[in-house]
Amino acid sequence: MNTKCYFCDSELEVVLHTYRMSTREEPVCEECYMKTVNRRKATEAGP
């Protein structure tokens, strides 16, 4: 059974990135990881 991305459920061959959900770290794909990073940078920069 392959690991699936936490956000989009795509199958991951290798887990390169994780997303911290409270006390757990969930595997995420490259695309979803970049979306979360960009979203975090945008909220830190402000309007």
N, C-alpha and C. Protein backbone atom coordinates (compact mmCIF):
# COMPACT_ATOMS: atom_id res chain seq x y z
N MET A 1 0.84 -1.19 0.00
CA MET A 1 0.00 0.00 0.00
C MET A 1 0.89 1.25 0.00
N ASN A 2 0.70 2.10 -0.98
CA ASN A 2 1.48 3.33 -1.07
C ASN A 2 0.91 4.40 -0.15
N THR A 3 1.77 5.30 0.24
CA THR A 3 1.35 6.43 1.05
C THR A 3 0.62 7.43 0.16
N LYS A 4 -0.41 8.08 0.71
CA LYS A 4 -1.18 9.05 -0.05
C LYS A 4 -1.01 10.44 0.54
N CYS A 5 -1.11 11.43 -0.34
CA CYS A 5 -1.04 12.83 0.09
C CYS A 5 -2.22 13.15 0.99
N TYR A 6 -1.97 13.86 2.05
CA TYR A 6 -3.02 14.21 3.01
C TYR A 6 -4.09 15.09 2.38
N PHE A 7 -3.71 15.98 1.46
CA PHE A 7 -4.65 16.93 0.88
C PHE A 7 -5.36 16.41 -0.36
N CYS A 8 -4.63 15.87 -1.32
CA CYS A 8 -5.25 15.52 -2.61
C CYS A 8 -5.35 14.01 -2.86
N ASP A 9 -4.89 13.19 -1.95
CA ASP A 9 -4.98 11.73 -2.04
C ASP A 9 -4.21 11.11 -3.22
N SER A 10 -3.27 11.84 -3.79
CA SER A 10 -2.44 11.24 -4.83
C SER A 10 -1.43 10.30 -4.16
N GLU A 11 -1.08 9.24 -4.85
CA GLU A 11 -0.15 8.27 -4.28
C GLU A 11 1.27 8.80 -4.34
N LEU A 12 2.01 8.61 -3.25
CA LEU A 12 3.39 9.08 -3.17
C LEU A 12 4.33 7.89 -3.20
N GLU A 13 5.32 7.96 -4.05
CA GLU A 13 6.33 6.90 -4.10
C GLU A 13 7.32 7.09 -2.96
N VAL A 14 7.70 8.35 -2.73
CA VAL A 14 8.64 8.70 -1.68
C VAL A 14 8.08 9.90 -0.93
N VAL A 15 8.16 9.87 0.39
CA VAL A 15 7.68 10.99 1.19
C VAL A 15 8.83 11.99 1.36
N LEU A 16 8.71 13.13 0.68
CA LEU A 16 9.73 14.17 0.77
C LEU A 16 9.31 15.29 1.71
N HIS A 17 8.01 15.55 1.79
CA HIS A 17 7.51 16.66 2.58
C HIS A 17 6.42 16.16 3.53
N THR A 18 6.33 16.83 4.67
CA THR A 18 5.27 16.53 5.61
C THR A 18 4.59 17.82 6.03
N TYR A 19 3.37 17.72 6.50
CA TYR A 19 2.60 18.86 6.97
C TYR A 19 2.17 18.56 8.40
N ARG A 20 2.48 19.46 9.31
CA ARG A 20 2.18 19.23 10.72
C ARG A 20 0.71 19.53 11.01
N MET A 21 0.03 18.50 11.48
CA MET A 21 -1.37 18.62 11.89
C MET A 21 -1.42 18.33 13.38
N SER A 22 -1.51 19.36 14.19
CA SER A 22 -1.47 19.29 15.66
C SER A 22 -0.23 18.52 16.12
N THR A 23 -0.38 17.28 16.54
CA THR A 23 0.78 16.52 17.03
C THR A 23 1.33 15.54 16.01
N ARG A 24 0.64 15.38 14.87
CA ARG A 24 1.08 14.44 13.83
C ARG A 24 1.68 15.18 12.66
N GLU A 25 2.48 14.47 11.89
CA GLU A 25 2.99 14.99 10.62
C GLU A 25 2.47 14.09 9.51
N GLU A 26 1.74 14.69 8.59
CA GLU A 26 1.13 13.94 7.50
C GLU A 26 1.93 14.14 6.22
N PRO A 27 2.05 13.10 5.39
CA PRO A 27 2.78 13.23 4.11
C PRO A 27 1.98 14.04 3.11
N VAL A 28 2.67 14.89 2.34
CA VAL A 28 2.03 15.68 1.30
C VAL A 28 2.88 15.62 0.03
N CYS A 29 2.23 15.79 -1.12
CA CYS A 29 2.95 15.78 -2.40
C CYS A 29 3.63 17.14 -2.62
N GLU A 30 4.46 17.21 -3.62
CA GLU A 30 5.22 18.43 -3.93
C GLU A 30 4.28 19.60 -4.24
N GLU A 31 3.24 19.37 -5.02
CA GLU A 31 2.32 20.45 -5.39
C GLU A 31 1.59 21.01 -4.17
N CYS A 32 1.08 20.16 -3.32
CA CYS A 32 0.37 20.62 -2.12
C CYS A 32 1.32 21.29 -1.15
N TYR A 33 2.54 20.80 -1.06
CA TYR A 33 3.54 21.42 -0.20
C TYR A 33 3.82 22.85 -0.65
N MET A 34 4.00 23.05 -1.96
CA MET A 34 4.26 24.39 -2.48
C MET A 34 3.07 25.31 -2.24
N LYS A 35 1.86 24.80 -2.35
CA LYS A 35 0.68 25.61 -2.08
C LYS A 35 0.65 26.07 -0.63
N THR A 36 0.97 25.17 0.30
CA THR A 36 0.96 25.55 1.71
C THR A 36 2.07 26.55 2.03
N VAL A 37 3.24 26.38 1.43
CA VAL A 37 4.35 27.31 1.65
C VAL A 37 4.00 28.68 1.11
N ASN A 38 3.46 28.74 -0.11
CA ASN A 38 3.08 30.02 -0.71
C ASN A 38 1.97 30.70 0.08
N ARG A 39 1.01 29.93 0.56
CA ARG A 39 -0.09 30.49 1.34
C ARG A 39 0.43 31.06 2.65
N ARG A 40 1.37 30.35 3.28
CA ARG A 40 1.94 30.81 4.55
C ARG A 40 2.72 32.11 4.34
N LYS A 41 3.51 32.20 3.26
CA LYS A 41 4.26 33.41 2.96
C LYS A 41 3.33 34.58 2.67
N ALA A 42 2.24 34.33 1.98
CA ALA A 42 1.29 35.40 1.66
C ALA A 42 0.62 35.94 2.92
N THR A 43 0.27 35.09 3.85
CA THR A 43 -0.37 35.56 5.07
C THR A 43 0.63 36.29 5.97
N GLU A 44 1.90 35.89 5.94
CA GLU A 44 2.90 36.59 6.74
C GLU A 44 3.21 37.97 6.17
N ALA A 45 3.16 38.12 4.84
CA ALA A 45 3.45 39.40 4.19
C ALA A 45 2.35 40.40 4.43
N GLY A 46 1.13 39.92 4.62
CA GLY A 46 0.02 40.82 4.84
C GLY A 46 -0.54 41.39 3.55
N PRO A 47 -1.50 42.32 3.66
CA PRO A 47 -2.15 42.88 2.46
C PRO A 47 -1.27 43.85 1.71
